[in-house]
Amino acid sequence: MSDRSPTSPRTHSIETALTHTGRNPDNQFGFVNTPVYRGSTVLFKTLSDLEAQSQPYLYGRAGNPTTESVEAVVSELEGAYRTRLVPSGLAAITIALMSCVQAGDDVLITDSAYEPGRKFADGFLERMGVSVRFYDPRIGAGLSDLMQPNTRAVLAESPGSLTFEIQDIPALAAAAHAGGARLIVDNSWASPLYHRPIALGADIVVHAATKMFVGHSDAFAGTISTTEEAWEDVERIRALLGFFTSGDEAFQVARGLRTLALRMKEHQHRALDVASWLETQDEVEKVLHPALPSHPDHALWQRDFSGAGSLFSFILKPAPRAAVAAFVDHMQVFSMGYSWGGYESLCLPVTITKARTAVPWSEPGNLFRVHVGFEGIEDLKADLADALDRYRRAR
């Protein structure tokens, strides 16, 4: 099964693909996992070999069996032509955007985009002569009205990783393609198990593989999966910039992918349980989880997704900073930290008023982002209940 082309139609279940794709024990002396390949120099036996440049590997920066083991799995899951593993999710976003534009071009970016990607666009692309505009995440087919003759890329993130708007990917793809642009989708939240943007019209799909793919909070990585038409441009930019993921990091991603289906099921179940419970609590004004019927984009989520991720947000009643500190400073099970996707639960207070321009954030309460890990659900609820009580008393 591991010898299958990454572009061949899926003939096995996701669980089977995750277990078998991208590894070939016959090539590894029978060992189950593709080992860590470390190296820069690849040797050629003859001058003819050197001139032909036909060996599977020419130089370490271009990849090795460990990195390719990850790329094969992700390509199959995404239904992509090919995938490239890169050092981080931010690297995946930057390469994807730069593969589409040159000086004088224009890009459109969802107002709910991952903040480091937004800063890259504002702080780098604009300096290179690329105009950057931000659009309402819920604009859908209305994106056509924003397209300009020089618009070459549209970046979507569905849902947004702080405010969880679901984007209409087919509508965005149609508008982008009609205007001569490519659609890039950040699919980190749902993973390709529950959402396949290429099948909905996307040209490029990026992941912060650091999150769900790795699953253990111990490695950085990103992936870029593309259609056949977009591949050459993406690979050219990646090679020119020298982005490469080491065999050690690739091995960590490969390890995480083998259990992705089981972990996603548990994350989904636990997160929905906690989110539903939070909706019943007096201090909670709103829960932002697309799989909840109360979410304004729930119907769109039902149409395009087959499951949900571990991450969601909730808004508490307005209160001063002291109440926010009382909520998070004494939690016993949840931890406070950036990133998500690991086995440990996280709760992070966030302020996004300065990070929104197309659709300013106007909710008056305090916003918290939650990643639900694998602790006991009742323990998580008890920790949140205590935090809510502290918040109420400080409010």
Protein backbone atom coordinates (compact mmCIF):
# COMPACT_ATOMS: atom_id res chain seq x y z
CA MET A 1 0.00 0.00 0.00
CA SER A 2 2.87 2.38 0.73
CA ASP A 3 3.98 2.14 -2.92
CA ARG A 4 0.76 3.78 -4.13
CA SER A 5 0.99 7.10 -5.91
CA PRO A 6 -0.12 9.97 -3.63
CA THR A 7 -2.50 11.09 -6.36
CA SER A 8 -4.27 7.76 -6.78
CA PRO A 9 -7.92 7.61 -5.65
CA ARG A 10 -8.51 6.72 -2.02
CA THR A 11 -9.44 3.04 -1.84
CA HIS A 12 -9.07 2.47 1.89
CA SER A 13 -10.56 4.06 4.98
CA ILE A 14 -8.89 7.06 6.56
CA GLU A 15 -7.79 4.91 9.49
CA THR A 16 -6.10 2.43 7.17
CA ALA A 17 -4.46 5.18 5.14
CA LEU A 18 -3.07 6.77 8.30
CA THR A 19 -1.72 3.42 9.47
CA HIS A 20 -0.05 2.27 6.25
CA THR A 21 0.56 5.11 3.79
CA GLY A 22 4.04 6.59 3.57
CA ARG A 23 6.00 3.66 4.99
CA ASN A 24 7.59 0.64 3.35
CA PRO A 25 9.11 -1.84 5.80
CA ASP A 26 10.65 -3.79 2.91
CA ASN A 27 12.91 -0.82 2.24
CA GLN A 28 13.82 -0.44 5.92
CA PHE A 29 15.04 -3.94 6.75
CA GLY A 30 11.58 -4.82 8.04
CA PHE A 31 11.29 -2.02 10.59
CA VAL A 32 7.73 -0.75 10.84
CA ASN A 33 8.50 2.98 10.83
CA THR A 34 10.59 4.89 8.33
CA PRO A 35 13.63 5.83 10.42
CA VAL A 36 15.09 9.29 10.92
CA TYR A 37 17.32 10.19 7.99
CA ARG A 38 19.88 12.84 8.96
CA GLY A 39 22.19 14.20 6.32
CA SER A 40 23.16 16.96 3.96
CA THR A 41 25.45 15.25 1.46
CA VAL A 42 24.16 12.58 -0.90
CA LEU A 43 26.86 10.66 -2.78
CA PHE A 44 27.03 9.95 -6.51
CA LYS A 45 28.94 6.93 -7.79
CA THR A 46 29.92 8.22 -11.24
CA LEU A 47 30.15 11.44 -13.21
CA SER A 48 27.28 10.17 -15.35
CA ASP A 49 25.12 9.85 -12.23
CA LEU A 50 26.02 13.38 -11.20
CA GLU A 51 25.19 14.78 -14.62
CA ALA A 52 21.95 12.84 -14.94
CA GLN A 53 20.57 14.16 -11.63
CA SER A 54 18.21 11.20 -11.63
CA GLN A 55 18.82 9.78 -8.15
CA PRO A 56 15.83 9.89 -5.80
CA TYR A 57 17.74 12.26 -3.51
CA LEU A 58 20.34 14.79 -4.63
CA TYR A 59 20.90 16.89 -1.51
CA GLY A 60 19.52 16.78 2.01
CA ARG A 61 17.67 20.07 1.77
CA ALA A 62 15.43 18.67 -0.98
CA GLY A 63 14.01 15.93 1.26
CA ASN A 64 14.63 12.38 2.36
CA PRO A 65 12.62 9.22 3.06
CA THR A 66 11.52 10.52 6.47
CA THR A 67 10.05 13.75 5.12
CA GLU A 68 8.50 11.94 2.17
CA SER A 69 6.76 9.51 4.52
CA VAL A 70 4.79 12.46 5.93
CA GLU A 71 4.15 14.07 2.57
CA ALA A 72 2.65 10.87 1.15
CA VAL A 73 0.16 10.55 4.01
CA VAL A 74 -0.99 14.17 3.87
CA SER A 75 -1.34 14.12 0.07
CA GLU A 76 -3.62 11.09 0.28
CA LEU A 77 -5.72 12.59 3.05
CA GLU A 78 -6.10 15.96 1.31
CA GLY A 79 -6.67 14.50 -2.16
CA ALA A 80 -3.74 16.63 -3.29
CA TYR A 81 -1.36 16.30 -6.22
CA ARG A 82 1.62 16.62 -3.89
CA THR A 83 2.56 17.89 -0.43
CA ARG A 84 5.68 19.49 0.94
CA LEU A 85 6.71 19.42 4.59
CA VAL A 86 8.15 22.71 5.87
CA PRO A 87 9.42 23.95 9.26
CA SER A 88 6.21 25.52 10.62
CA GLY A 89 2.64 26.49 9.88
CA LEU A 90 3.77 30.08 9.34
CA ALA A 91 6.33 28.86 6.79
CA ALA A 92 3.53 27.04 4.97
CA ILE A 93 1.45 30.22 4.80
CA THR A 94 4.33 32.41 3.66
CA ILE A 95 5.44 30.00 0.92
CA ALA A 96 1.87 29.55 -0.30
CA LEU A 97 1.29 33.30 -0.56
CA MET A 98 4.62 34.03 -2.21
CA SER A 99 4.05 31.28 -4.77
CA CYS A 100 1.11 33.28 -6.11
CA VAL A 101 2.39 36.85 -6.24
CA GLN A 102 5.05 39.22 -7.45
CA ALA A 103 5.57 42.97 -7.05
CA GLY A 104 2.49 44.87 -8.16
CA ASP A 105 0.04 42.08 -7.33
CA ASP A 106 -2.74 42.10 -4.75
CA VAL A 107 -3.86 39.57 -2.13
CA LEU A 108 -7.07 39.22 -0.14
CA ILE A 109 -6.85 37.73 3.37
CA THR A 110 -9.66 36.78 5.69
CA ASP A 111 -10.01 39.13 8.64
CA SER A 112 -10.03 36.05 10.90
CA ALA A 113 -6.60 34.85 9.73
CA TYR A 114 -3.89 33.42 11.98
CA GLU A 115 -2.18 36.51 13.39
CA PRO A 116 1.44 35.64 12.43
CA GLY A 117 0.28 35.14 8.83
CA ARG A 118 -1.46 38.48 8.96
CA LYS A 119 1.71 40.14 10.24
CA PHE A 120 3.72 38.54 7.43
CA ALA A 121 1.35 40.05 4.88
CA ASP A 122 1.42 43.49 6.50
CA GLY A 123 5.10 43.48 7.38
CA PHE A 124 6.69 41.68 4.41
CA LEU A 125 4.45 41.41 1.36
CA GLU A 126 3.58 45.10 1.40
CA ARG A 127 7.28 45.99 1.65
CA MET A 128 7.84 43.85 -1.45
CA GLY A 129 5.26 45.82 -3.43
CA VAL A 130 2.26 43.52 -2.95
CA SER A 131 -0.94 45.20 -1.79
CA VAL A 132 -2.78 43.44 1.05
CA ARG A 133 -6.48 43.76 1.81
CA PHE A 134 -8.59 42.01 4.44
CA TYR A 135 -12.13 40.77 3.87
CA ASP A 136 -15.14 39.72 5.93
CA PRO A 137 -14.79 35.96 6.66
CA ARG A 138 -18.50 35.54 5.91
CA ILE A 139 -18.42 37.36 2.57
CA GLY A 140 -18.87 34.20 0.47
CA ALA A 141 -19.73 34.97 -3.15
CA GLY A 142 -19.47 38.67 -2.31
CA LEU A 143 -15.73 38.25 -2.66
CA SER A 144 -16.26 38.87 -6.39
CA ASP A 145 -16.89 42.54 -5.62
CA LEU A 146 -13.43 42.83 -4.03
CA MET A 147 -11.47 41.17 -6.82
CA GLN A 148 -9.16 43.44 -8.79
CA PRO A 149 -7.35 42.74 -12.08
CA ASN A 150 -4.10 42.22 -10.13
CA THR A 151 -5.54 40.04 -7.33
CA ARG A 152 -3.58 36.79 -7.44
CA ALA A 153 -4.27 35.08 -4.10
CA VAL A 154 -7.10 34.72 -1.60
CA LEU A 155 -6.25 33.33 1.84
CA ALA A 156 -9.03 31.65 3.82
CA GLU A 157 -9.00 30.02 7.25
CA SER A 158 -12.07 27.99 8.07
CA PRO A 159 -12.90 28.32 10.84
CA GLY A 160 -10.88 31.29 12.08
CA SER A 161 -8.68 30.12 14.93
CA LEU A 162 -9.93 32.74 17.42
CA THR A 163 -13.43 33.72 16.33
CA PHE A 164 -14.47 30.54 14.46
CA GLU A 165 -16.33 31.91 11.46
CA ILE A 166 -16.91 29.18 8.86
CA GLN A 167 -16.05 30.30 5.34
CA ASP A 168 -17.92 29.32 2.18
CA ILE A 169 -14.99 27.67 0.41
CA PRO A 170 -16.81 26.75 -2.84
CA ALA A 171 -18.07 30.33 -3.20
CA LEU A 172 -14.64 31.79 -2.44
CA ALA A 173 -13.01 29.41 -4.92
CA ALA A 174 -15.44 30.39 -7.66
CA ALA A 175 -14.86 34.09 -7.08
CA ALA A 176 -11.08 33.71 -6.87
CA HIS A 177 -10.83 31.60 -10.02
CA ALA A 178 -13.12 33.90 -12.00
CA GLY A 179 -10.74 36.74 -11.13
CA GLY A 180 -7.59 34.83 -12.00
CA ALA A 181 -6.49 34.16 -8.41
CA ARG A 182 -5.68 31.04 -6.43
CA LEU A 183 -7.46 30.11 -3.21
CA ILE A 184 -5.30 29.11 -0.24
CA VAL A 185 -7.06 27.49 2.73
CA ASP A 186 -5.68 26.96 6.22
CA ASN A 187 -7.20 23.61 7.24
CA SER A 188 -5.46 23.18 10.60
CA TRP A 189 -8.61 23.08 12.75
CA ALA A 190 -10.58 20.24 11.20
CA SER A 191 -7.66 18.41 9.55
CA PRO A 192 -8.27 16.58 6.25
CA LEU A 193 -10.18 13.94 8.22
CA TYR A 194 -13.12 16.31 8.61
CA HIS A 195 -12.63 18.87 5.82
CA ARG A 196 -11.12 18.59 2.33
CA PRO A 197 -10.80 22.07 0.79
CA ILE A 198 -9.26 20.87 -2.49
CA ALA A 199 -12.42 18.89 -3.20
CA LEU A 200 -14.34 22.14 -2.60
CA GLY A 201 -12.25 24.14 -5.06
CA ALA A 202 -9.12 25.25 -3.17
CA ASP A 203 -5.79 25.33 -5.01
CA ILE A 204 -3.48 25.16 -1.98
CA VAL A 205 -4.10 23.81 1.52
CA VAL A 206 -1.80 24.63 4.42
CA HIS A 207 -1.51 23.14 7.89
CA ALA A 208 0.19 24.07 11.09
CA ALA A 209 1.30 20.46 11.45
CA THR A 210 2.64 21.50 14.85
CA LYS A 211 -0.94 21.18 16.05
CA MET A 212 -3.12 18.19 15.19
CA PHE A 213 -0.64 16.27 13.04
CA VAL A 214 2.12 16.20 15.69
CA GLY A 215 -0.36 15.97 18.56
CA HIS A 216 2.16 16.00 21.40
CA SER A 217 3.32 19.64 21.66
CA ASP A 218 6.92 18.64 21.01
CA ALA A 219 7.73 19.54 17.39
CA PHE A 220 7.27 22.28 14.80
CA ALA A 221 6.16 21.59 11.24
CA GLY A 222 3.90 22.79 8.46
CA THR A 223 2.52 21.22 5.31
CA ILE A 224 1.56 22.64 1.91
CA SER A 225 -0.67 20.48 -0.30
CA THR A 226 -1.58 21.57 -3.81
CA THR A 227 -3.36 20.82 -7.03
CA GLU A 228 -1.18 19.83 -9.97
CA GLU A 229 -1.46 23.33 -11.45
CA ALA A 230 -0.21 25.05 -8.28
CA TRP A 231 2.57 22.59 -7.42
CA GLU A 232 5.42 23.94 -9.54
CA ASP A 233 5.10 27.48 -8.20
CA VAL A 234 4.93 26.31 -4.58
CA GLU A 235 7.94 24.01 -4.91
CA ARG A 236 9.96 26.67 -6.72
CA ILE A 237 9.45 29.21 -3.92
CA ARG A 238 10.14 26.64 -1.22
CA ALA A 239 13.41 25.63 -2.88
CA LEU A 240 14.51 29.22 -3.49
CA LEU A 241 13.91 30.14 0.15
CA GLY A 242 15.61 26.99 1.43
CA PHE A 243 12.77 25.88 3.69
CA PHE A 244 13.41 22.33 4.87
CA THR A 245 12.25 20.16 7.75
CA SER A 246 14.77 17.88 9.39
CA GLY A 247 14.36 14.13 9.61
CA ASP A 248 13.98 14.40 13.39
CA GLU A 249 10.99 16.74 13.13
CA ALA A 250 9.51 14.74 10.25
CA PHE A 251 9.64 11.58 12.34
CA GLN A 252 7.64 13.32 15.08
CA VAL A 253 5.00 14.34 12.54
CA ALA A 254 4.84 10.83 11.09
CA ARG A 255 4.40 9.38 14.57
CA GLY A 256 1.53 11.75 15.32
CA LEU A 257 -0.24 11.07 12.05
CA ARG A 258 -0.57 7.36 12.81
CA THR A 259 -2.98 8.13 15.66
CA LEU A 260 -4.66 11.20 14.15
CA ALA A 261 -8.03 9.53 13.48
CA LEU A 262 -8.37 8.25 17.04
CA ARG A 263 -7.22 11.52 18.56
CA MET A 264 -9.55 13.62 16.41
CA LYS A 265 -12.55 11.53 17.47
CA GLU A 266 -11.71 12.04 21.13
CA HIS A 267 -10.93 15.74 20.71
CA GLN A 268 -14.22 16.27 18.90
CA HIS A 269 -16.28 14.42 21.50
CA ARG A 270 -14.64 16.11 24.49
CA ALA A 271 -14.65 19.61 23.01
CA LEU A 272 -18.34 19.41 22.12
CA ASP A 273 -19.18 18.11 25.58
CA VAL A 274 -17.33 20.98 27.27
CA ALA A 275 -18.69 23.57 24.81
CA SER A 276 -22.28 22.41 25.38
CA TRP A 277 -21.78 22.56 29.13
CA LEU A 278 -20.36 26.08 28.92
CA GLU A 279 -23.49 27.24 27.09
CA THR A 280 -25.48 26.48 30.27
CA GLN A 281 -23.30 28.56 32.58
CA ASP A 282 -24.53 31.95 33.79
CA GLU A 283 -21.26 33.84 33.29
CA VAL A 284 -20.97 32.69 29.66
CA GLU A 285 -22.43 35.10 27.11
CA LYS A 286 -21.65 33.04 24.01
CA VAL A 287 -19.80 29.89 22.90
CA LEU A 288 -18.13 30.00 19.48
CA HIS A 289 -18.09 26.40 18.27
CA PRO A 290 -19.26 25.72 14.69
CA ALA A 291 -20.66 22.29 15.55
CA LEU A 292 -23.12 23.78 18.04
CA PRO A 293 -26.60 24.57 16.64
CA SER A 294 -26.30 28.02 18.22
CA HIS A 295 -23.38 28.96 15.97
CA PRO A 296 -24.41 31.34 13.14
CA ASP A 297 -22.50 29.25 10.57
CA HIS A 298 -23.68 25.86 11.80
CA ALA A 299 -25.54 25.05 8.56
CA LEU A 300 -22.46 25.82 6.49
CA TRP A 301 -20.34 23.68 8.81
CA GLN A 302 -22.81 20.81 8.36
CA ARG A 303 -22.63 21.16 4.59
CA ASP A 304 -18.83 21.18 4.21
CA PHE A 305 -17.42 19.40 7.28
CA SER A 306 -17.78 15.85 8.54
CA GLY A 307 -16.50 16.57 12.04
CA ALA A 308 -15.08 19.17 14.39
CA GLY A 309 -11.77 19.97 16.02
CA SER A 310 -10.56 20.42 19.56
CA LEU A 311 -10.54 24.20 19.58
CA PHE A 312 -13.26 26.75 20.28
CA SER A 313 -13.80 30.05 22.05
CA PHE A 314 -16.27 31.46 24.54
CA ILE A 315 -17.13 34.95 25.71
CA LEU A 316 -17.72 35.81 29.35
CA LYS A 317 -19.71 38.76 30.65
CA PRO A 318 -17.80 42.06 30.67
CA ALA A 319 -15.41 42.34 33.58
CA PRO A 320 -12.09 44.05 34.41
CA ARG A 321 -8.65 42.50 33.96
CA ALA A 322 -8.67 41.35 37.59
CA ALA A 323 -11.55 38.99 36.80
CA VAL A 324 -9.69 37.57 33.79
CA ALA A 325 -6.66 36.98 36.00
CA ALA A 326 -8.84 35.32 38.63
CA PHE A 327 -10.22 33.01 35.96
CA VAL A 328 -6.91 31.76 34.52
CA ASP A 329 -4.33 32.19 37.27
CA HIS A 330 -5.57 29.40 39.53
CA MET A 331 -6.70 26.73 37.07
CA GLN A 332 -5.64 23.24 38.13
CA VAL A 333 -6.23 21.16 34.97
CA PHE A 334 -6.20 23.66 32.12
CA SER A 335 -2.89 25.32 31.34
CA MET A 336 -2.29 28.69 29.73
CA GLY A 337 -0.12 28.74 26.63
CA TYR A 338 0.01 29.36 22.89
CA SER A 339 -0.53 26.74 20.21
CA TRP A 340 -2.90 23.78 20.59
CA GLY A 341 -3.44 20.25 19.33
CA GLY A 342 -1.60 18.39 22.10
CA TYR A 343 -2.89 15.96 24.68
CA GLU A 344 -3.05 18.71 27.33
CA SER A 345 -5.95 21.16 27.66
CA LEU A 346 -5.29 24.88 27.25
CA CYS A 347 -7.25 28.01 28.07
CA LEU A 348 -6.00 31.33 26.75
CA PRO A 349 -7.51 34.81 27.19
CA VAL A 350 -7.23 36.69 23.91
CA THR A 351 -7.64 40.30 22.78
CA ILE A 352 -8.26 40.76 19.07
CA THR A 353 -9.61 44.29 18.72
CA LYS A 354 -6.38 45.46 17.04
CA ALA A 355 -6.22 42.41 14.76
CA ARG A 356 -9.50 43.05 12.96
CA THR A 357 -9.95 45.69 10.28
CA ALA A 358 -12.56 44.52 7.76
CA VAL A 359 -15.01 43.50 10.48
CA PRO A 360 -14.02 45.14 13.77
CA TRP A 361 -14.56 42.97 16.84
CA SER A 362 -17.37 44.49 18.88
CA GLU A 363 -18.23 41.85 21.50
CA PRO A 364 -18.12 43.61 24.90
CA GLY A 365 -17.17 40.58 26.99
CA ASN A 366 -13.87 38.78 27.54
CA LEU A 367 -12.83 36.20 24.94
CA PHE A 368 -11.14 32.92 25.88
CA ARG A 369 -9.85 30.24 23.51
CA VAL A 370 -9.96 26.62 24.68
CA HIS A 371 -8.22 23.50 23.40
CA VAL A 372 -9.72 20.38 24.97
CA GLY A 373 -7.21 17.58 25.53
CA PHE A 374 -7.45 14.14 27.03
CA GLU A 375 -7.97 14.78 30.74
CA GLY A 376 -11.17 13.55 32.34
CA ILE A 377 -14.12 15.57 31.07
CA GLU A 378 -15.59 15.99 34.54
CA ASP A 379 -12.21 17.24 35.79
CA LEU A 380 -12.16 19.82 32.99
CA LYS A 381 -15.69 20.98 33.79
CA ALA A 382 -14.89 21.22 37.50
CA ASP A 383 -11.81 23.33 36.73
CA LEU A 384 -13.88 25.65 34.54
CA ALA A 385 -16.67 25.82 37.12
CA ASP A 386 -14.20 26.96 39.78
CA ALA A 387 -12.74 29.50 37.33
CA LEU A 388 -16.19 30.83 36.49
CA ASP A 389 -16.96 31.22 40.19
CA ARG A 390 -13.73 33.18 40.70
CA TYR A 391 -14.60 35.33 37.68
CA ARG A 392 -18.08 36.06 39.00
CA ARG A 393 -16.77 37.09 42.42
CA ALA A 394 -14.09 39.33 40.86
CA ARG A 395 -16.57 40.89 38.46
